[in-house]
C-alpha atoms as a PDB file:
ATOM      1  CA  UNK A   1      29.448-282.106 169.971  1.00  0.00           C
ATOM      2  CA  UNK A   2      29.304-283.110 173.657  1.00  0.00           C
ATOM      3  CA  UNK A   3      27.117-285.897 174.964  1.00  0.00           C
ATOM      4  CA  UNK A   4      25.280-283.969 177.701  1.00  0.00           C
ATOM      5  CA  UNK A   5      22.241-281.924 176.678  1.00  0.00           C
ATOM      6  CA  UNK A   6      22.385-278.273 177.718  1.00  0.00           C
ATOM      7  CA  UNK A   7      18.985-277.401 179.185  1.00  0.00           C
ATOM      8  CA  UNK A   8      19.129-273.626 179.655  1.00  0.00           C
ATOM      9  CA  UNK A   9      21.200-270.476 179.311  1.00  0.00           C
ATOM     10  CA  UNK A  10      22.709-270.781 182.799  1.00  0.00           C
ATOM     11  CA  UNK A  11      24.152-274.198 181.994  1.00  0.00           C
ATOM     12  CA  UNK A  12      25.468-272.986 178.652  1.00  0.00           C
ATOM     13  CA  UNK A  13      27.106-269.975 180.323  1.00  0.00           C
ATOM     14  CA  UNK A  14      28.770-272.277 182.864  1.00  0.00           C
ATOM     15  CA  UNK A  15      30.160-274.814 180.399  1.00  0.00           C
ATOM     16  CA  UNK A  16      31.220-272.185 177.841  1.00  0.00           C
ATOM     17  CA  UNK A  17      32.769-269.778 180.349  1.00  0.00           C
ATOM     18  CA  UNK A  18      30.870-266.850 178.789  1.00  0.00           C
ATOM     19  CA  UNK A  19      28.709-264.614 180.982  1.00  0.00           C
ATOM     20  CA  UNK A  20      24.923-264.779 180.750  1.00  0.00           C
ATOM     21  CA  UNK A  21      24.435-261.066 179.797  1.00  0.00           C
ATOM     22  CA  UNK A  22      27.018-261.390 177.018  1.00  0.00           C
ATOM     23  CA  UNK A  23      25.193-264.439 175.662  1.00  0.00           C
ATOM     24  CA  UNK A  24      21.875-262.578 175.827  1.00  0.00           C
ATOM     25  CA  UNK A  25      23.359-259.680 173.872  1.00  0.00           C
ATOM     26  CA  UNK A  26      24.642-262.095 171.236  1.00  0.00           C
ATOM     27  CA  UNK A  27      21.312-263.917 170.826  1.00  0.00           C
ATOM     28  CA  UNK A  28      19.445-260.614 170.489  1.00  0.00           C
ATOM     29  CA  UNK A  29      21.984-259.197 168.024  1.00  0.00           C
ATOM     30  CA  UNK A  30      25.246-261.024 167.187  1.00  0.00           C
ATOM     31  CA  UNK A  31      26.812-257.767 165.962  1.00  0.00           C
ATOM     32  CA  UNK A  32      26.394-256.186 169.419  1.00  0.00           C
ATOM     33  CA  UNK A  33      29.344-258.169 170.849  1.00  0.00           C
ATOM     34  CA  UNK A  34      33.021-257.985 169.931  1.00  0.00           C
ATOM     35  CA  UNK A  35      34.243-260.145 167.057  1.00  0.00           C
ATOM     36  CA  UNK A  36      36.436-262.366 169.244  1.00  0.00           C
ATOM     37  CA  UNK A  37      33.561-262.853 171.694  1.00  0.00           C
ATOM     38  CA  UNK A  38      31.198-263.745 168.843  1.00  0.00           C
ATOM     39  CA  UNK A  39      33.710-266.321 167.589  1.00  0.00           C
ATOM     40  CA  UNK A  40      33.928-267.914 171.063  1.00  0.00           C
ATOM     41  CA  UNK A  41      30.134-268.096 171.376  1.00  0.00           C
ATOM     42  CA  UNK A  42      29.654-269.629 167.952  1.00  0.00           C
ATOM     43  CA  UNK A  43      32.342-272.220 168.629  1.00  0.00           C
ATOM     44  CA  UNK A  44      30.670-273.099 171.944  1.00  0.00           C
ATOM     45  CA  UNK A  45      27.251-273.361 170.270  1.00  0.00           C
ATOM     46  CA  UNK A  46      28.636-275.857 167.786  1.00  0.00           C
ATOM     47  CA  UNK A  47      30.473-277.820 170.449  1.00  0.00           C
ATOM     48  CA  UNK A  48      27.468-278.125 172.782  1.00  0.00           C
ATOM     49  CA  UNK A  49      24.707-278.067 170.128  1.00  0.00           C
ATOM     50  CA  UNK A  50      22.773-275.510 172.169  1.00  0.00           C
ATOM     51  CA  UNK A  51      19.892-273.308 170.982  1.00  0.00           C
ATOM     52  CA  UNK A  52      18.311-270.866 173.456  1.00  0.00           C
ATOM     53  CA  UNK A  53      14.632-270.564 174.295  1.00  0.00           C
ATOM     54  CA  UNK A  54      14.201-266.891 173.362  1.00  0.00           C
ATOM     55  CA  UNK A  55      10.706-266.714 174.891  1.00  0.00           C
ATOM     56  CA  UNK A  56      12.032-267.919 178.237  1.00  0.00           C
ATOM     57  CA  UNK A  57      14.886-265.410 178.024  1.00  0.00           C
ATOM     58  CA  UNK A  58      12.427-262.558 177.628  1.00  0.00           C
ATOM     59  CA  UNK A  59      10.232-263.771 180.485  1.00  0.00           C
ATOM     60  CA  UNK A  60      13.183-264.100 182.878  1.00  0.00           C
ATOM     61  CA  UNK A  61      14.399-260.626 182.033  1.00  0.00           C
ATOM     62  CA  UNK A  62      11.053-259.179 183.156  1.00  0.00           C
ATOM     63  CA  UNK A  63      10.965-260.853 186.568  1.00  0.00           C
ATOM     64  CA  UNK A  64      12.740-257.954 188.297  1.00  0.00           C
ATOM     65  CA  UNK A  65      11.777-254.305 187.991  1.00  0.00           C
ATOM     66  CA  UNK A  66      14.656-252.921 190.064  1.00  0.00           C
ATOM     67  CA  UNK A  67      17.027-250.436 188.392  1.00  0.00           C
ATOM     68  CA  UNK A  68      20.197-249.086 189.991  1.00  0.00           C
ATOM     69  CA  UNK A  69      21.347-245.496 189.451  1.00  0.00           C
ATOM     70  CA  UNK A  70      24.986-244.823 190.387  1.00  0.00           C
ATOM     71  CA  UNK A  71      26.690-241.400 190.379  1.00  0.00           C
ATOM     72  CA  UNK A  72      30.135-240.257 191.603  1.00  0.00           C
ATOM     73  CA  UNK A  73      28.757-237.896 194.265  1.00  0.00           C
ATOM     74  CA  UNK A  74      25.062-237.522 195.007  1.00  0.00           C
ATOM     75  CA  UNK A  75      25.622-234.260 196.919  1.00  0.00           C
ATOM     76  CA  UNK A  76      27.019-232.619 193.775  1.00  0.00           C
ATOM     77  CA  UNK A  77      24.083-230.546 192.406  1.00  0.00           C
ATOM     78  CA  UNK A  78      24.693-231.667 188.807  1.00  0.00           C
ATOM     79  CA  UNK A  79      24.616-235.358 189.698  1.00  0.00           C
ATOM     80  CA  UNK A  80      21.692-234.806 192.074  1.00  0.00           C
ATOM     81  CA  UNK A  81      19.713-233.223 189.238  1.00  0.00           C
ATOM     82  CA  UNK A  82      20.529-235.887 186.662  1.00  0.00           C
ATOM     83  CA  UNK A  83      19.813-238.633 189.235  1.00  0.00           C
ATOM     84  CA  UNK A  84      16.452-237.006 190.014  1.00  0.00           C
ATOM     85  CA  UNK A  85      15.587-236.999 186.308  1.00  0.00           C
ATOM     86  CA  UNK A  86      16.600-240.650 185.890  1.00  0.00           C
ATOM     87  CA  UNK A  87      14.691-241.689 189.011  1.00  0.00           C
ATOM     88  CA  UNK A  88      11.490-240.078 187.723  1.00  0.00           C
ATOM     89  CA  UNK A  89      11.855-241.733 184.317  1.00  0.00           C
ATOM     90  CA  UNK A  90      12.371-245.144 185.921  1.00  0.00           C
ATOM     91  CA  UNK A  91       9.242-244.724 188.051  1.00  0.00           C
ATOM     92  CA  UNK A  92       7.197-243.526 185.062  1.00  0.00           C
ATOM     93  CA  UNK A  93       8.276-246.635 183.121  1.00  0.00           C
ATOM     94  CA  UNK A  94       7.208-248.951 185.948  1.00  0.00           C
ATOM     95  CA  UNK A  95      10.649-249.660 187.423  1.00  0.00           C
ATOM     96  CA  UNK A  96      11.831-249.289 191.017  1.00  0.00           C
ATOM     97  CA  UNK A  97      14.993-247.146 191.078  1.00  0.00           C
ATOM     98  CA  UNK A  98      17.598-247.248 193.839  1.00  0.00           C
ATOM     99  CA  UNK A  99      20.192-244.459 194.033  1.00  0.00           C
ATOM    100  CA  UNK A 100      23.839-245.027 194.947  1.00  0.00           C
ATOM    101  CA  UNK A 101      26.811-242.662 195.341  1.00  0.00           C
ATOM    102  CA  UNK A 102      30.407-243.847 194.953  1.00  0.00           C
ATOM    103  CA  UNK A 103      31.577-240.765 196.927  1.00  0.00           C
ATOM    104  CA  UNK A 104      34.432-240.164 194.506  1.00  0.00           C
ATOM    105  CA  UNK A 105      36.178-243.311 195.783  1.00  0.00           C
ATOM    106  CA  UNK A 106      37.196-246.017 193.233  1.00  0.00           C
ATOM    107  CA  UNK A 107      37.176-248.742 195.891  1.00  0.00           C
ATOM    108  CA  UNK A 108      33.724-247.734 197.072  1.00  0.00           C
ATOM    109  CA  UNK A 109      32.517-247.648 193.471  1.00  0.00           C
ATOM    110  CA  UNK A 110      33.456-251.348 193.218  1.00  0.00           C
ATOM    111  CA  UNK A 111      31.596-252.038 196.492  1.00  0.00           C
ATOM    112  CA  UNK A 112      28.487-250.357 195.095  1.00  0.00           C
ATOM    113  CA  UNK A 113      28.673-252.526 191.978  1.00  0.00           C
ATOM    114  CA  UNK A 114      29.011-255.680 194.075  1.00  0.00           C
ATOM    115  CA  UNK A 115      25.992-254.630 196.131  1.00  0.00           C
ATOM    116  CA  UNK A 116      24.025-254.093 192.952  1.00  0.00           C
ATOM    117  CA  UNK A 117      25.138-257.446 191.576  1.00  0.00           C
ATOM    118  CA  UNK A 118      23.704-259.169 194.662  1.00  0.00           C
ATOM    119  CA  UNK A 119      20.376-257.361 194.167  1.00  0.00           C
ATOM    120  CA  UNK A 120      20.094-258.765 190.608  1.00  0.00           C
ATOM    121  CA  UNK A 121      18.589-255.610 189.062  1.00  0.00           C
ATOM    122  CA  UNK A 122      16.949-255.513 185.660  1.00  0.00           C
ATOM    123  CA  UNK A 123      19.584-252.968 184.699  1.00  0.00           C
ATOM    124  CA  UNK A 124      21.829-250.162 185.908  1.00  0.00           C
ATOM    125  CA  UNK A 125      22.406-246.544 184.887  1.00  0.00           C
ATOM    126  CA  UNK A 126      26.030-245.863 185.821  1.00  0.00           C
ATOM    127  CA  UNK A 127      28.039-242.631 185.838  1.00  0.00           C
ATOM    128  CA  UNK A 128      31.554-243.980 186.563  1.00  0.00           C
ATOM    129  CA  UNK A 129      34.462-242.058 188.066  1.00  0.00           C
ATOM    130  CA  UNK A 130      36.185-242.349 184.693  1.00  0.00           C
ATOM    131  CA  UNK A 131      39.971-242.553 184.744  1.00  0.00           C
ATOM    132  CA  UNK A 132      39.919-243.328 188.459  1.00  0.00           C
ATOM    133  CA  UNK A 133      37.550-246.289 188.049  1.00  0.00           C
ATOM    134  CA  UNK A 134      38.690-249.900 188.290  1.00  0.00           C
ATOM    135  CA  UNK A 135      38.232-250.655 184.593  1.00  0.00           C
ATOM    136  CA  UNK A 136      38.374-254.433 184.960  1.00  0.00           C
ATOM    137  CA  UNK A 137      35.756-254.346 187.712  1.00  0.00           C
ATOM    138  CA  UNK A 138      33.520-252.204 185.498  1.00  0.00           C
ATOM    139  CA  UNK A 139      33.939-254.612 182.577  1.00  0.00           C
ATOM    140  CA  UNK A 140      33.078-257.629 184.731  1.00  0.00           C
ATOM    141  CA  UNK A 141      29.992-255.917 186.097  1.00  0.00           C
ATOM    142  CA  UNK A 142      28.784-254.809 182.659  1.00  0.00           C
ATOM    143  CA  UNK A 143      29.166-258.371 181.389  1.00  0.00           C
ATOM    144  CA  UNK A 144      26.896-259.633 184.171  1.00  0.00           C
ATOM    145  CA  UNK A 145      24.319-256.804 184.431  1.00  0.00           C
ATOM    146  CA  UNK A 146      22.734-254.741 181.616  1.00  0.00           C
ATOM    147  CA  UNK A 147      24.430-251.377 182.196  1.00  0.00           C
ATOM    148  CA  UNK A 148      24.053-248.031 180.455  1.00  0.00           C
ATOM    149  CA  UNK A 149      27.042-245.709 180.988  1.00  0.00           C
ATOM    150  CA  UNK A 150      26.354-241.977 181.222  1.00  0.00           C
ATOM    151  CA  UNK A 151      28.232-238.716 181.886  1.00  0.00           C
ATOM    152  CA  UNK A 152      31.784-240.139 181.699  1.00  0.00           C
ATOM    153  CA  UNK A 153      32.708-242.812 179.152  1.00  0.00           C
ATOM    154  CA  UNK A 154      35.215-245.583 179.834  1.00  0.00           C
ATOM    155  CA  UNK A 155      36.041-247.054 176.436  1.00  0.00           C
ATOM    156  CA  UNK A 156      33.294-249.170 174.854  1.00  0.00           C
ATOM    157  CA  UNK A 157      31.902-250.945 177.886  1.00  0.00           C
ATOM    158  CA  UNK A 158      28.267-251.411 178.831  1.00  0.00           C
ATOM    159  CA  UNK A 159      25.290-251.297 176.481  1.00  0.00           C
ATOM    160  CA  UNK A 160      26.062-247.770 175.250  1.00  0.00           C
ATOM    161  CA  UNK A 161      27.206-244.324 176.398  1.00  0.00           C
ATOM    162  CA  UNK A 162      25.061-241.202 176.765  1.00  0.00           C
ATOM    163  CA  UNK A 163      26.408-237.847 177.888  1.00  0.00           C
ATOM    164  CA  UNK A 164      27.076-234.229 177.033  1.00  0.00           C
ATOM    165  CA  UNK A 165      29.423-233.114 174.270  1.00  0.00           C
ATOM    166  CA  UNK A 166      32.127-231.490 176.385  1.00  0.00           C
ATOM    167  CA  UNK A 167      34.135-230.408 173.361  1.00  0.00           C
ATOM    168  CA  UNK A 168      31.111-228.532 172.010  1.00  0.00           C
ATOM    169  CA  UNK A 169      30.453-227.073 175.475  1.00  0.00           C
ATOM    170  CA  UNK A 170      33.792-225.353 175.783  1.00  0.00           C
ATOM    171  CA  UNK A 171      34.230-224.394 172.133  1.00  0.00           C
ATOM    172  CA  UNK A 172      30.819-222.695 172.075  1.00  0.00           C
ATOM    173  CA  UNK A 173      31.263-220.619 175.224  1.00  0.00           C
ATOM    174  CA  UNK A 174      34.885-219.756 174.306  1.00  0.00           C
ATOM    175  CA  UNK A 175      33.630-218.456 170.966  1.00  0.00           C
ATOM    176  CA  UNK A 176      31.022-216.299 172.717  1.00  0.00           C
ATOM    177  CA  UNK A 177      33.549-214.843 175.155  1.00  0.00           C
ATOM    178  CA  UNK A 178      36.057-214.061 172.385  1.00  0.00           C
ATOM    179  CA  UNK A 179      33.401-212.285 170.331  1.00  0.00           C
ATOM    180  CA  UNK A 180      32.111-210.141 173.198  1.00  0.00           C
ATOM    181  CA  UNK A 181      35.306-209.033 174.942  1.00  0.00           C
ATOM    182  CA  UNK A 182      38.840-210.040 175.751  1.00  0.00           C
ATOM    183  CA  UNK A 183      39.631-213.730 175.058  1.00  0.00           C
ATOM    184  CA  UNK A 184      39.260-215.907 178.147  1.00  0.00           C
ATOM    185  CA  UNK A 185      41.832-217.474 180.424  1.00  0.00           C
ATOM    186  CA  UNK A 186      40.945-221.015 181.481  1.00  0.00           C
ATOM    187  CA  UNK A 187      40.651-221.645 185.249  1.00  0.00           C
ATOM    188  CA  UNK A 188      40.870-225.307 186.294  1.00  0.00           C
ATOM    189  CA  UNK A 189      42.013-227.759 188.955  1.00  0.00           C
ATOM    190  CA  UNK A 190      45.487-229.202 188.423  1.00  0.00           C
ATOM    191  CA  UNK A 191      44.203-232.664 189.404  1.00  0.00           C
ATOM    192  CA  UNK A 192      40.479-232.659 188.550  1.00  0.00           C
ATOM    193  CA  UNK A 193      38.178-235.235 190.085  1.00  0.00           C
ATOM    194  CA  UNK A 194      35.854-235.253 187.072  1.00  0.00           C
ATOM    195  CA  UNK A 195      37.439-236.693 183.900  1.00  0.00           C
ATOM    196  CA  UNK A 196      35.341-234.395 181.697  1.00  0.00           C
ATOM    197  CA  UNK A 197      37.635-231.558 182.808  1.00  0.00           C
ATOM    198  CA  UNK A 198      40.401-232.899 180.547  1.00  0.00           C
ATOM    199  CA  UNK A 199      38.122-232.762 177.509  1.00  0.00           C
ATOM    200  CA  UNK A 200      37.113-229.201 178.308  1.00  0.00           C
ATOM    201  CA  UNK A 201      40.707-228.084 178.696  1.00  0.00           C
ATOM    202  CA  UNK A 202      41.635-229.587 175.327  1.00  0.00           C
ATOM    203  CA  UNK A 203      38.601-228.013 173.694  1.00  0.00           C
ATOM    204  CA  UNK A 204      39.608-224.612 175.084  1.00  0.00           C
ATOM    205  CA  UNK A 205      43.125-224.997 173.664  1.00  0.00           C
ATOM    206  CA  UNK A 206      41.743-226.018 170.270  1.00  0.00           C
ATOM    207  CA  UNK A 207      39.224-223.180 170.193  1.00  0.00           C
ATOM    208  CA  UNK A 208      41.725-220.487 171.147  1.00  0.00           C
ATOM    209  CA  UNK A 209      44.061-221.675 168.403  1.00  0.00           C
ATOM    210  CA  UNK A 210      41.220-221.683 165.877  1.00  0.00           C
ATOM    211  CA  UNK A 211      40.165-218.158 166.877  1.00  0.00           C
ATOM    212  CA  UNK A 212      43.735-216.843 166.625  1.00  0.00           C
ATOM    213  CA  UNK A 213      44.338-216.217 170.337  1.00  0.00           C
ATOM    214  CA  UNK A 214      47.027-217.396 172.742  1.00  0.00           C
ATOM    215  CA  UNK A 215      45.566-219.742 175.371  1.00  0.00           C
ATOM    216  CA  UNK A 216      46.276-219.116 179.048  1.00  0.00           C
ATOM    217  CA  UNK A 217      45.540-221.994 181.447  1.00  0.00           C
ATOM    218  CA  UNK A 218      45.645-221.369 185.201  1.00  0.00           C
ATOM    219  CA  UNK A 219      45.717-224.697 187.074  1.00  0.00           C
ATOM    220  CA  UNK A 220      45.174-224.418 190.821  1.00  0.00           C
ATOM    221  CA  UNK A 221      46.001-226.878 193.588  1.00  0.00           C
ATOM    222  CA  UNK A 222      43.314-228.959 195.238  1.00  0.00           C
ATOM    223  CA  UNK A 223      41.944-232.487 195.142  1.00  0.00           C
ATOM    224  CA  UNK A 224      38.563-234.100 195.714  1.00  0.00           C
ATOM    225  CA  UNK A 225      35.070-232.741 195.157  1.00  0.00           C
ATOM    226  CA  UNK A 226      35.136-229.524 197.224  1.00  0.00           C
ATOM    227  CA  UNK A 227      35.270-227.431 194.048  1.00  0.00           C
ATOM    228  CA  UNK A 228      33.875-224.194 195.498  1.00  0.00           C
ATOM    229  CA  UNK A 229      36.566-223.873 198.163  1.00  0.00           C
ATOM    230  CA  UNK A 230      39.266-224.922 195.693  1.00  0.00           C
ATOM    231  CA  UNK A 231      38.019-222.190 193.358  1.00  0.00           C
ATOM    232  CA  UNK A 232      37.921-219.626 196.152  1.00  0.00           C
ATOM    233  CA  UNK A 233      41.440-220.334 197.427  1.00  0.00           C
ATOM    234  CA  UNK A 234      42.903-220.731 193.948  1.00  0.00           C
ATOM    235  CA  UNK A 235      41.115-217.583 192.834  1.00  0.00           C
ATOM    236  CA  UNK A 236      42.604-215.578 195.694  1.00  0.00           C
ATOM    237  CA  UNK A 237      46.108-216.686 194.753  1.00  0.00           C
ATOM    238  CA  UNK A 238      45.609-216.112 191.024  1.00  0.00           C
ATOM    239  CA  UNK A 239      44.193-212.628 191.570  1.00  0.00           C
ATOM    240  CA  UNK A 240      46.892-211.736 194.100  1.00  0.00           C
ATOM    241  CA  UNK A 241      49.726-212.952 191.871  1.00  0.00           C
ATOM    242  CA  UNK A 242      48.299-211.514 188.637  1.00  0.00           C
ATOM    243  CA  UNK A 243      48.038-214.904 186.902  1.00  0.00           C
ATOM    244  CA  UNK A 244      45.114-213.867 184.696  1.00  0.00           C
ATOM    245  CA  UNK A 245      46.421-212.304 181.490  1.00  0.00           C
ATOM    246  CA  UNK A 246      43.014-210.966 180.390  1.00  0.00           C
ATOM    247  CA  UNK A 247      39.914-209.680 182.143  1.00  0.00           C
ATOM    248  CA  UNK A 248      37.833-212.727 181.123  1.00  0.00           C
ATOM    249  CA  UNK A 249      37.920-216.056 182.966  1.00  0.00           C
ATOM    250  CA  UNK A 250      36.297-219.286 181.776  1.00  0.00           C
ATOM    251  CA  UNK A 251      36.106-221.843 184.577  1.00  0.00           C
ATOM    252  CA  UNK A 252      36.229-225.584 183.968  1.00  0.00           C
ATOM    253  CA  UNK A 253      32.906-225.990 185.786  1.00  0.00           C
ATOM    254  CA  UNK A 254      30.284-223.867 187.532  1.00  0.00           C
ATOM    255  CA  UNK A 255      31.301-224.917 191.039  1.00  0.00           C
ATOM    256  CA  UNK A 256      34.835-223.594 190.492  1.00  0.00           C
ATOM    257  CA  UNK A 257      33.269-220.420 189.099  1.00  0.00           C
ATOM    258  CA  UNK A 258      31.142-220.008 192.237  1.00  0.00           C
ATOM    259  CA  UNK A 259      34.311-220.224 194.338  1.00  0.00           C
ATOM    260  CA  UNK A 260      36.043-217.673 192.092  1.00  0.00           C
ATOM    261  CA  UNK A 261      33.078-215.296 192.388  1.00  0.00           C
ATOM    262  CA  UNK A 262      33.442-215.504 196.180  1.00  0.00           C
ATOM    263  CA  UNK A 263      37.166-214.707 195.913  1.00  0.00           C
ATOM    264  CA  UNK A 264      36.345-211.675 193.753  1.00  0.00           C
ATOM    265  CA  UNK A 265      33.785-210.474 196.289  1.00  0.00           C
ATOM    266  CA  UNK A 266      36.256-210.912 199.158  1.00  0.00           C
ATOM    267  CA  UNK A 267      38.851-208.885 197.231  1.00  0.00           C
ATOM    268  CA  UNK A 268      36.378-206.143 196.283  1.00  0.00           C
ATOM    269  CA  UNK A 269      36.614-206.947 192.567  1.00  0.00           C
ATOM    270  CA  UNK A 270      33.418-206.235 190.644  1.00  0.00           C
ATOM    271  CA  UNK A 271      32.374-208.992 188.217  1.00  0.00           C
ATOM    272  CA  UNK A 272      30.157-208.448 185.193  1.00  0.00           C
ATOM    273  CA  UNK A 273      29.692-206.872 181.786  1.00  0.00           C
ATOM    274  CA  UNK A 274      29.232-203.233 182.809  1.00  0.00           C
ATOM    275  CA  UNK A 275      31.735-200.417 182.426  1.00  0.00           C
ATOM    276  CA  UNK A 276      32.279-200.399 186.193  1.00  0.00           C
ATOM    277  CA  UNK A 277      33.211-204.121 186.236  1.00  0.00           C
ATOM    278  CA  UNK A 278      36.819-205.326 186.360  1.00  0.00           C
ATOM    279  CA  UNK A 279      36.459-208.902 185.068  1.00  0.00           C
ATOM    280  CA  UNK A 280      34.041-211.330 183.453  1.00  0.00           C
ATOM    281  CA  UNK A 281      33.554-214.852 184.818  1.00  0.00           C
ATOM    282  CA  UNK A 282      31.804-217.768 183.091  1.00  0.00           C
ATOM    283  CA  UNK A 283      31.319-221.411 183.985  1.00  0.00           C
ATOM    284  CA  UNK A 284      30.218-224.701 182.468  1.00  0.00           C
ATOM    285  CA  UNK A 285      27.505-227.223 183.434  1.00  0.00           C
ATOM    286  CA  UNK A 286      24.313-225.240 184.065  1.00  0.00           C
ATOM    287  CA  UNK A 287      24.601-225.772 187.838  1.00  0.00           C
ATOM    288  CA  UNK A 288      21.041-225.698 189.301  1.00  0.00           C
ATOM    289  CA  UNK A 289      22.050-222.750 191.540  1.00  0.00           C
ATOM    290  CA  UNK A 290      24.040-220.766 188.957  1.00  0.00           C
ATOM    291  CA  UNK A 291      21.038-218.469 188.404  1.00  0.00           C
ATOM    292  CA  UNK A 292      21.287-217.340 192.021  1.00  0.00           C
ATOM    293  CA  UNK A 293      24.955-216.342 192.346  1.00  0.00           C
ATOM    294  CA  UNK A 294      25.903-212.684 192.565  1.00  0.00           C
ATOM    295  CA  UNK A 295      26.079-211.709 189.804  1.00  0.00           C
ATOM    296  CA  UNK A 296      24.114-214.504 188.094  1.00  0.00           C
ATOM    297  CA  UNK A 297      26.569-216.813 186.351  1.00  0.00           C
ATOM    298  CA  UNK A 298      26.894-217.076 182.575  1.00  0.00           C
ATOM    299  CA  UNK A 299      27.308-220.767 181.747  1.00  0.00           C
ATOM    300  CA  UNK A 300      26.718-223.472 179.172  1.00  0.00           C
ATOM    301  CA  UNK A 301      24.243-226.023 180.413  1.00  0.00           C
ATOM    302  CA  UNK A 302      23.726-229.746 180.091  1.00  0.00           C
ATOM    303  CA  UNK A 303      20.410-230.723 178.576  1.00  0.00           C
ATOM    304  CA  UNK A 304      19.348-232.613 181.695  1.00  0.00           C
ATOM    305  CA  UNK A 305      16.048-233.818 180.244  1.00  0.00           C
ATOM    306  CA  UNK A 306      17.527-235.070 176.960  1.00  0.00           C
ATOM    307  CA  UNK A 307      20.471-236.851 178.652  1.00  0.00           C
ATOM    308  CA  UNK A 308      18.232-238.601 181.175  1.00  0.00           C
ATOM    309  CA  UNK A 309      15.588-239.500 178.582  1.00  0.00           C
ATOM    310  CA  UNK A 310      18.098-240.883 176.066  1.00  0.00           C
ATOM    311  CA  UNK A 311      19.954-242.887 178.729  1.00  0.00           C
ATOM    312  CA  UNK A 312      16.836-244.293 180.384  1.00  0.00           C
ATOM    313  CA  UNK A 313      15.125-245.251 177.131  1.00  0.00           C
ATOM    314  CA  UNK A 314      18.260-247.010 175.861  1.00  0.00           C
ATOM    315  CA  UNK A 315      18.436-249.091 179.055  1.00  0.00           C
ATOM    316  CA  UNK A 316      14.713-249.931 179.076  1.00  0.00           C
ATOM    317  CA  UNK A 317      14.875-251.012 175.438  1.00  0.00           C
ATOM    318  CA  UNK A 318      17.807-253.340 176.209  1.00  0.00           C
ATOM    319  CA  UNK A 319      16.023-254.780 179.250  1.00  0.00           C
ATOM    320  CA  UNK A 320      13.094-255.634 176.990  1.00  0.00           C
ATOM    321  CA  UNK A 321      15.434-257.610 174.745  1.00  0.00           C
ATOM    322  CA  UNK A 322      16.255-255.178 171.946  1.00  0.00           C
ATOM    323  CA  UNK A 323      20.027-254.898 172.353  1.00  0.00           C
ATOM    324  CA  UNK A 324      21.729-252.709 169.750  1.00  0.00           C
ATOM    325  CA  UNK A 325      25.454-252.467 168.915  1.00  0.00           C
ATOM    326  CA  UNK A 326      27.385-250.211 171.287  1.00  0.00           C
ATOM    327  CA  UNK A 327      27.279-246.529 170.405  1.00  0.00           C
ATOM    328  CA  UNK A 328      28.156-243.177 171.947  1.00  0.00           C
ATOM    329  CA  UNK A 329      25.555-240.396 172.087  1.00  0.00           C
ATOM    330  CA  UNK A 330      26.828-236.934 173.047  1.00  0.00           C
ATOM    331  CA  UNK A 331      24.305-234.116 173.345  1.00  0.00           C
ATOM    332  CA  UNK A 332      25.102-230.430 172.832  1.00  0.00           C
ATOM    333  CA  UNK A 333      24.881-227.876 175.614  1.00  0.00           C
ATOM    334  CA  UNK A 334      22.922-224.625 175.674  1.00  0.00           C
ATOM    335  CA  UNK A 335      24.577-221.249 176.261  1.00  0.00           C
ATOM    336  CA  UNK A 336      22.881-219.310 179.074  1.00  0.00           C
ATOM    337  CA  UNK A 337      23.779-215.604 179.148  1.00  0.00           C
ATOM    338  CA  UNK A 338      23.675-213.804 182.493  1.00  0.00           C
ATOM    339  CA  UNK A 339      25.293-210.772 184.129  1.00  0.00           C
ATOM    340  CA  UNK A 340      28.676-212.317 185.065  1.00  0.00           C
ATOM    341  CA  UNK A 341      29.908-212.369 181.443  1.00  0.00           C
END
């Protein structure tokens, strides 16, 4: 036991070398932190003979009502829609949301987190870049600020993860396409910006094997977030070179599918389910504009309301002091049948 009396959590965090948010998580629920972290905290408690004032902890947590919402690209219609949902839920719960976009840039994502850190928000709803993110920077931020990860998980960091079940997405729509026509080829970017694309590709491979079909993956060149133009240019090449082995194409996401539909139009290829149609095209995500393509795009959609509600409520509960052990929540998508497939 040391001779100096520790007066508050800040002092204990400083002398123990353990971040304040991590200590708060421990005092609310010791099982919510990793075993080695719990051992360090308990050793420090014994050494410094410190016991927190839980009432004061709860009062301090409520001083700020600011909540940050961070997405990879705010101009992407999917992220714009999910951010809109989260913003409305924050306002309804009495918080003041601020929206940030990392613009698909890992370095800028770190800058956004540092800006948020300086604002001292009550909490943050973060959709990271995934594999491209600076993992150590994310870990440091999540240790200092209550953070709920959504859309793309990065190991077990933050309070919890909430997102869509990408494996279910692709397996479900692949099953539908196999049952209603020729089995689908899979149309994707060779170097996708969104890490969920890798899960969808693997799910397609698994599903085709399970259904007794030979998978056919067409990976087109292109980097960044300009998915429609990548899909259009890659679609032109694939159609010209005869890369598609069947007359059914499942795209990795709706924005690629929109680009492919444009390529089909420019090459006078009729898309749809009718006898006069040459190919079927389907996407994934439930893009807010997918209803208005020509023909309207068959897709499997995120449950925007359920994802935003589950994520927001988990963060608000943690802000109020009820911190649960880390868990992953993945919500199923809904198949939306339209004329393209």
